[in-house]
Amino acid sequence: MRSQLAKITLDKTFEEMDTLTENIVKSINEAASDRGLQCLHYEIRAISPPHRVKAAIERRRALALESEGERQAIINIVYEKKNFVILASNAAMMDQVNRAKGEMHNLQVVICY
């Protein structure tokens, strides 16, 4: 069991419990086949890592959540700045269009007279 647990991370251990159990049964059967024994069932009831490991995992998860929060905040700020630039650009473009229309109208008035 230890050799199988050493191959994967603790987080993966909980996610892949069925695969882990299958691998342990295979390992037991390989080791016991010379003696005519066969493992038919193996069950992992609980995995309790040491307190310091649990604390380290909780710290890592907290840092990951904090980092994700900061990342999302930066994305939100950049998105808002992008929208502001687009709106300002559209406003400047509409101002130029309106000025051009006004000049065109003035030219038409001058030409008509």
N, C-alpha and C. Protein backbone atom coordinates (compact mmCIF):
# COMPACT_ATOMS: atom_id res chain seq x y z
N MET A 1 0.83 -1.19 0.00
CA MET A 1 0.00 0.00 0.00
C MET A 1 0.87 1.25 0.00
N ARG A 2 1.93 1.23 0.78
CA ARG A 2 2.81 2.40 0.84
C ARG A 2 3.44 2.70 -0.51
N SER A 3 3.86 1.67 -1.22
CA SER A 3 4.50 1.91 -2.51
C SER A 3 3.51 2.50 -3.50
N GLN A 4 2.25 2.10 -3.44
CA GLN A 4 1.23 2.66 -4.33
C GLN A 4 0.89 4.10 -3.93
N LEU A 5 0.81 4.35 -2.64
CA LEU A 5 0.51 5.70 -2.16
C LEU A 5 1.64 6.67 -2.49
N ALA A 6 2.86 6.16 -2.51
CA ALA A 6 4.01 7.03 -2.79
C ALA A 6 4.03 7.48 -4.24
N LYS A 7 3.30 6.81 -5.11
CA LYS A 7 3.31 7.14 -6.53
C LYS A 7 2.40 8.31 -6.90
N ILE A 8 1.49 8.67 -6.01
CA ILE A 8 0.55 9.74 -6.33
C ILE A 8 0.48 10.74 -5.19
N THR A 9 -0.04 11.93 -5.50
CA THR A 9 -0.18 12.97 -4.47
C THR A 9 -1.35 12.64 -3.56
N LEU A 10 -1.37 13.30 -2.42
CA LEU A 10 -2.44 13.05 -1.45
C LEU A 10 -3.80 13.45 -2.03
N ASP A 11 -3.85 14.57 -2.75
CA ASP A 11 -5.11 14.99 -3.36
C ASP A 11 -5.61 13.94 -4.35
N LYS A 12 -4.70 13.40 -5.15
CA LYS A 12 -5.07 12.37 -6.13
C LYS A 12 -5.49 11.08 -5.44
N THR A 13 -4.95 10.82 -4.27
CA THR A 13 -5.30 9.60 -3.52
C THR A 13 -6.80 9.55 -3.28
N PHE A 14 -7.37 10.66 -2.85
CA PHE A 14 -8.80 10.70 -2.57
C PHE A 14 -9.62 10.64 -3.86
N GLU A 15 -9.10 11.24 -4.93
CA GLU A 15 -9.83 11.25 -6.20
C GLU A 15 -9.80 9.89 -6.89
N GLU A 16 -8.70 9.17 -6.75
CA GLU A 16 -8.51 7.92 -7.49
C GLU A 16 -8.46 6.71 -6.56
N MET A 17 -9.37 6.66 -5.61
CA MET A 17 -9.38 5.58 -4.62
C MET A 17 -9.58 4.21 -5.28
N ASP A 18 -10.46 4.13 -6.29
CA ASP A 18 -10.71 2.84 -6.96
C ASP A 18 -9.48 2.34 -7.69
N THR A 19 -8.83 3.22 -8.42
CA THR A 19 -7.61 2.84 -9.15
C THR A 19 -6.53 2.43 -8.18
N LEU A 20 -6.41 3.17 -7.10
CA LEU A 20 -5.42 2.85 -6.08
C LEU A 20 -5.68 1.45 -5.50
N THR A 21 -6.92 1.16 -5.19
CA THR A 21 -7.27 -0.16 -4.65
C THR A 21 -6.93 -1.26 -5.64
N GLU A 22 -7.26 -1.06 -6.92
CA GLU A 22 -6.94 -2.06 -7.96
C GLU A 22 -5.44 -2.31 -8.03
N ASN A 23 -4.66 -1.24 -7.99
CA ASN A 23 -3.20 -1.38 -8.05
C ASN A 23 -2.64 -2.12 -6.84
N ILE A 24 -3.23 -1.88 -5.68
CA ILE A 24 -2.78 -2.57 -4.47
C ILE A 24 -3.10 -4.06 -4.57
N VAL A 25 -4.30 -4.40 -5.05
CA VAL A 25 -4.67 -5.81 -5.22
C VAL A 25 -3.72 -6.49 -6.20
N LYS A 26 -3.39 -5.83 -7.31
CA LYS A 26 -2.45 -6.40 -8.28
C LYS A 26 -1.09 -6.65 -7.63
N SER A 27 -0.62 -5.67 -6.86
CA SER A 27 0.68 -5.82 -6.20
C SER A 27 0.68 -6.97 -5.20
N ILE A 28 -0.40 -7.08 -4.43
CA ILE A 28 -0.50 -8.18 -3.46
C ILE A 28 -0.51 -9.52 -4.19
N ASN A 29 -1.30 -9.61 -5.26
CA ASN A 29 -1.40 -10.87 -6.00
C ASN A 29 -0.08 -11.25 -6.67
N GLU A 30 0.66 -10.26 -7.16
CA GLU A 30 1.97 -10.56 -7.76
C GLU A 30 2.93 -11.11 -6.69
N ALA A 31 2.90 -10.50 -5.52
CA ALA A 31 3.80 -10.93 -4.45
C ALA A 31 3.38 -12.28 -3.86
N ALA A 32 2.09 -12.58 -3.86
CA ALA A 32 1.59 -13.80 -3.19
C ALA A 32 1.39 -14.97 -4.14
N SER A 33 1.50 -14.76 -5.44
CA SER A 33 1.21 -15.83 -6.40
C SER A 33 2.14 -17.03 -6.25
N ASP A 34 3.41 -16.81 -5.88
CA ASP A 34 4.36 -17.92 -5.70
C ASP A 34 3.93 -18.85 -4.56
N ARG A 35 3.17 -18.33 -3.62
CA ARG A 35 2.73 -19.12 -2.46
C ARG A 35 1.32 -19.68 -2.66
N GLY A 36 0.74 -19.43 -3.83
CA GLY A 36 -0.59 -19.95 -4.11
C GLY A 36 -1.71 -19.16 -3.47
N LEU A 37 -1.42 -17.93 -3.08
CA LEU A 37 -2.45 -17.08 -2.46
C LEU A 37 -2.97 -16.07 -3.47
N GLN A 38 -4.21 -15.64 -3.24
CA GLN A 38 -4.81 -14.63 -4.11
C GLN A 38 -5.65 -13.69 -3.26
N CYS A 39 -5.47 -12.40 -3.47
CA CYS A 39 -6.26 -11.38 -2.78
C CYS A 39 -7.53 -11.15 -3.58
N LEU A 40 -8.68 -11.35 -2.97
CA LEU A 40 -9.96 -11.18 -3.65
C LEU A 40 -10.57 -9.81 -3.37
N HIS A 41 -10.25 -9.24 -2.24
CA HIS A 41 -10.86 -7.96 -1.87
C HIS A 41 -9.89 -7.16 -1.00
N TYR A 42 -9.83 -5.88 -1.27
CA TYR A 42 -9.01 -4.98 -0.46
C TYR A 42 -9.79 -3.68 -0.34
N GLU A 43 -9.86 -3.16 0.85
CA GLU A 43 -10.64 -1.95 1.07
C GLU A 43 -9.83 -0.94 1.88
N ILE A 44 -9.79 0.27 1.39
CA ILE A 44 -9.17 1.36 2.14
C ILE A 44 -10.32 2.08 2.83
N ARG A 45 -10.34 2.01 4.12
CA ARG A 45 -11.45 2.61 4.86
C ARG A 45 -11.23 4.10 5.11
N ALA A 46 -10.02 4.46 5.42
CA ALA A 46 -9.74 5.87 5.71
C ALA A 46 -8.26 6.13 5.51
N ILE A 47 -7.98 7.32 5.07
CA ILE A 47 -6.60 7.78 4.96
C ILE A 47 -6.50 9.03 5.81
N SER A 48 -5.68 8.96 6.83
CA SER A 48 -5.52 10.08 7.75
C SER A 48 -4.07 10.53 7.75
N PRO A 49 -3.75 11.55 6.97
CA PRO A 49 -2.37 12.04 6.97
C PRO A 49 -2.04 12.71 8.31
N PRO A 50 -0.77 12.82 8.62
CA PRO A 50 -0.37 13.50 9.86
C PRO A 50 -0.86 14.95 9.88
N HIS A 51 -1.00 15.48 11.08
CA HIS A 51 -1.53 16.84 11.26
C HIS A 51 -0.71 17.86 10.47
N ARG A 52 0.60 17.74 10.49
CA ARG A 52 1.44 18.72 9.78
C ARG A 52 1.22 18.65 8.27
N VAL A 53 0.91 17.47 7.74
CA VAL A 53 0.61 17.34 6.32
C VAL A 53 -0.73 17.99 6.01
N LYS A 54 -1.73 17.74 6.87
CA LYS A 54 -3.03 18.38 6.69
C LYS A 54 -2.89 19.90 6.73
N ALA A 55 -2.11 20.41 7.68
CA ALA A 55 -1.92 21.85 7.80
C ALA A 55 -1.24 22.42 6.56
N ALA A 56 -0.26 21.70 6.03
CA ALA A 56 0.44 22.16 4.83
C ALA A 56 -0.51 22.19 3.63
N ILE A 57 -1.36 21.17 3.52
CA ILE A 57 -2.33 21.14 2.43
C ILE A 57 -3.31 22.30 2.55
N GLU A 58 -3.78 22.56 3.76
CA GLU A 58 -4.71 23.67 3.97
C GLU A 58 -4.06 25.01 3.63
N ARG A 59 -2.79 25.19 4.01
CA ARG A 59 -2.07 26.42 3.67
C ARG A 59 -1.94 26.57 2.16
N ARG A 60 -1.59 25.45 1.51
CA ARG A 60 -1.44 25.49 0.05
C ARG A 60 -2.76 25.84 -0.63
N ARG A 61 -3.83 25.25 -0.16
CA ARG A 61 -5.15 25.55 -0.74
C ARG A 61 -5.54 27.00 -0.49
N ALA A 62 -5.24 27.50 0.70
CA ALA A 62 -5.55 28.90 1.01
C ALA A 62 -4.75 29.84 0.10
N LEU A 63 -3.48 29.53 -0.10
CA LEU A 63 -2.67 30.35 -1.00
C LEU A 63 -3.20 30.28 -2.43
N ALA A 64 -3.63 29.11 -2.85
CA ALA A 64 -4.17 28.96 -4.21
C ALA A 64 -5.45 29.78 -4.36
N LEU A 65 -6.32 29.73 -3.35
CA LEU A 65 -7.55 30.51 -3.41
C LEU A 65 -7.27 32.01 -3.41
N GLU A 66 -6.32 32.42 -2.58
CA GLU A 66 -5.94 33.83 -2.53
C GLU A 66 -5.37 34.28 -3.88
N SER A 67 -4.50 33.45 -4.43
CA SER A 67 -3.90 33.75 -5.72
C SER A 67 -4.97 33.85 -6.81
N GLU A 68 -5.92 32.93 -6.79
CA GLU A 68 -7.01 32.95 -7.78
C GLU A 68 -7.85 34.20 -7.62
N GLY A 69 -8.09 34.61 -6.38
CA GLY A 69 -8.85 35.84 -6.13
C GLY A 69 -8.12 37.06 -6.67
N GLU A 70 -6.80 37.13 -6.43
CA GLU A 70 -6.01 38.25 -6.95
C GLU A 70 -6.00 38.24 -8.48
N ARG A 71 -5.88 37.05 -9.05
CA ARG A 71 -5.88 36.93 -10.51
C ARG A 71 -7.20 37.43 -11.08
N GLN A 72 -8.31 37.03 -10.46
CA GLN A 72 -9.62 37.46 -10.96
C GLN A 72 -9.80 38.97 -10.80
N ALA A 73 -9.27 39.53 -9.71
CA ALA A 73 -9.36 40.98 -9.51
C ALA A 73 -8.59 41.72 -10.61
N ILE A 74 -7.41 41.22 -10.95
CA ILE A 74 -6.63 41.85 -12.03
C ILE A 74 -7.37 41.74 -13.35
N ILE A 75 -7.96 40.59 -13.62
CA ILE A 75 -8.74 40.41 -14.86
C ILE A 75 -9.89 41.40 -14.90
N ASN A 76 -10.58 41.58 -13.78
CA ASN A 76 -11.69 42.52 -13.72
C ASN A 76 -11.23 43.95 -13.98
N ILE A 77 -10.10 44.34 -13.39
CA ILE A 77 -9.57 45.69 -13.59
C ILE A 77 -9.20 45.91 -15.05
N VAL A 78 -8.51 44.95 -15.64
CA VAL A 78 -8.11 45.07 -17.05
C VAL A 78 -9.35 45.14 -17.94
N TYR A 79 -10.34 44.34 -17.65
CA TYR A 79 -11.57 44.33 -18.44
C TYR A 79 -12.26 45.70 -18.37
N GLU A 80 -12.33 46.27 -17.18
CA GLU A 80 -12.95 47.60 -17.03
C GLU A 80 -12.15 48.67 -17.76
N LYS A 81 -10.82 48.60 -17.68
CA LYS A 81 -9.99 49.57 -18.41
C LYS A 81 -10.20 49.43 -19.92
N LYS A 82 -10.28 48.19 -20.39
CA LYS A 82 -10.52 47.95 -21.81
C LYS A 82 -11.86 48.56 -22.23
N ASN A 83 -12.89 48.34 -21.43
CA ASN A 83 -14.20 48.91 -21.74
C ASN A 83 -14.16 50.43 -21.74
N PHE A 84 -13.43 51.02 -20.80
CA PHE A 84 -13.30 52.47 -20.75
C PHE A 84 -12.63 53.00 -22.02
N VAL A 85 -11.56 52.35 -22.45
CA VAL A 85 -10.85 52.76 -23.66
C VAL A 85 -11.77 52.64 -24.88
N ILE A 86 -12.53 51.56 -24.94
CA ILE A 86 -13.45 51.37 -26.07
C ILE A 86 -14.51 52.47 -26.08
N LEU A 87 -15.09 52.75 -24.92
CA LEU A 87 -16.11 53.80 -24.85
C LEU A 87 -15.53 55.17 -25.21
N ALA A 88 -14.33 55.46 -24.69
CA ALA A 88 -13.69 56.75 -25.01
C ALA A 88 -13.39 56.83 -26.50
N SER A 89 -12.93 55.75 -27.08
CA SER A 89 -12.64 55.71 -28.51
C SER A 89 -13.91 55.91 -29.33
N ASN A 90 -14.98 55.24 -28.93
CA ASN A 90 -16.26 55.40 -29.62
C ASN A 90 -16.77 56.83 -29.51
N ALA A 91 -16.62 57.43 -28.34
CA ALA A 91 -17.06 58.81 -28.14
C ALA A 91 -16.25 59.76 -29.02
N ALA A 92 -14.93 59.53 -29.08
CA ALA A 92 -14.08 60.39 -29.94
C ALA A 92 -14.45 60.21 -31.40
N MET A 93 -14.72 58.98 -31.80
CA MET A 93 -15.10 58.72 -33.18
C MET A 93 -16.44 59.40 -33.51
N MET A 94 -17.41 59.30 -32.62
CA MET A 94 -18.71 59.94 -32.85
C MET A 94 -18.56 61.46 -32.90
N ASP A 95 -17.68 62.00 -32.08
CA ASP A 95 -17.42 63.44 -32.11
C ASP A 95 -16.86 63.84 -33.47
N GLN A 96 -15.92 63.06 -34.00
CA GLN A 96 -15.36 63.36 -35.32
C GLN A 96 -16.41 63.24 -36.41
N VAL A 97 -17.27 62.21 -36.31
CA VAL A 97 -18.34 62.04 -37.30
C VAL A 97 -19.29 63.23 -37.26
N ASN A 98 -19.66 63.64 -36.06
CA ASN A 98 -20.58 64.78 -35.93
C ASN A 98 -19.95 66.07 -36.46
N ARG A 99 -18.66 66.27 -36.18
CA ARG A 99 -17.98 67.46 -36.71
C ARG A 99 -17.93 67.42 -38.23
N ALA A 100 -17.63 66.25 -38.78
CA ALA A 100 -17.56 66.11 -40.24
C ALA A 100 -18.93 66.38 -40.85
N LYS A 101 -19.99 65.87 -40.22
CA LYS A 101 -21.34 66.12 -40.72
C LYS A 101 -21.67 67.61 -40.67
N GLY A 102 -21.26 68.24 -39.58
CA GLY A 102 -21.49 69.68 -39.44
C GLY A 102 -20.74 70.47 -40.51
N GLU A 103 -19.49 70.11 -40.76
CA GLU A 103 -18.72 70.78 -41.80
C GLU A 103 -19.33 70.52 -43.17
N MET A 104 -19.78 69.30 -43.40
CA MET A 104 -20.41 68.97 -44.67
C MET A 104 -21.68 69.79 -44.86
N HIS A 105 -22.46 69.94 -43.79
CA HIS A 105 -23.68 70.74 -43.86
C HIS A 105 -23.33 72.20 -44.16
N ASN A 106 -22.30 72.70 -43.50
CA ASN A 106 -21.86 74.08 -43.74
C ASN A 106 -21.43 74.27 -45.19
N LEU A 107 -20.71 73.28 -45.73
CA LEU A 107 -20.26 73.36 -47.12
C LEU A 107 -21.45 73.33 -48.08
N GLN A 108 -22.45 72.52 -47.76
CA GLN A 108 -23.63 72.46 -48.61
C GLN A 108 -24.37 73.79 -48.59
N VAL A 109 -24.45 74.41 -47.42
CA VAL A 109 -25.12 75.69 -47.31
C VAL A 109 -24.38 76.74 -48.11
N VAL A 110 -23.06 76.74 -48.05
CA VAL A 110 -22.25 77.72 -48.77
C VAL A 110 -22.39 77.50 -50.27
N ILE A 111 -22.39 76.28 -50.71
CA ILE A 111 -22.47 75.96 -52.14
C ILE A 111 -23.85 76.34 -52.68
N CYS A 112 -24.89 76.18 -51.89
CA CYS A 112 -26.24 76.49 -52.34
C CYS A 112 -26.44 77.98 -52.60
N TYR A 113 -25.69 78.81 -51.97
CA TYR A 113 -25.92 80.25 -52.12
C TYR A 113 -25.20 80.79 -53.26
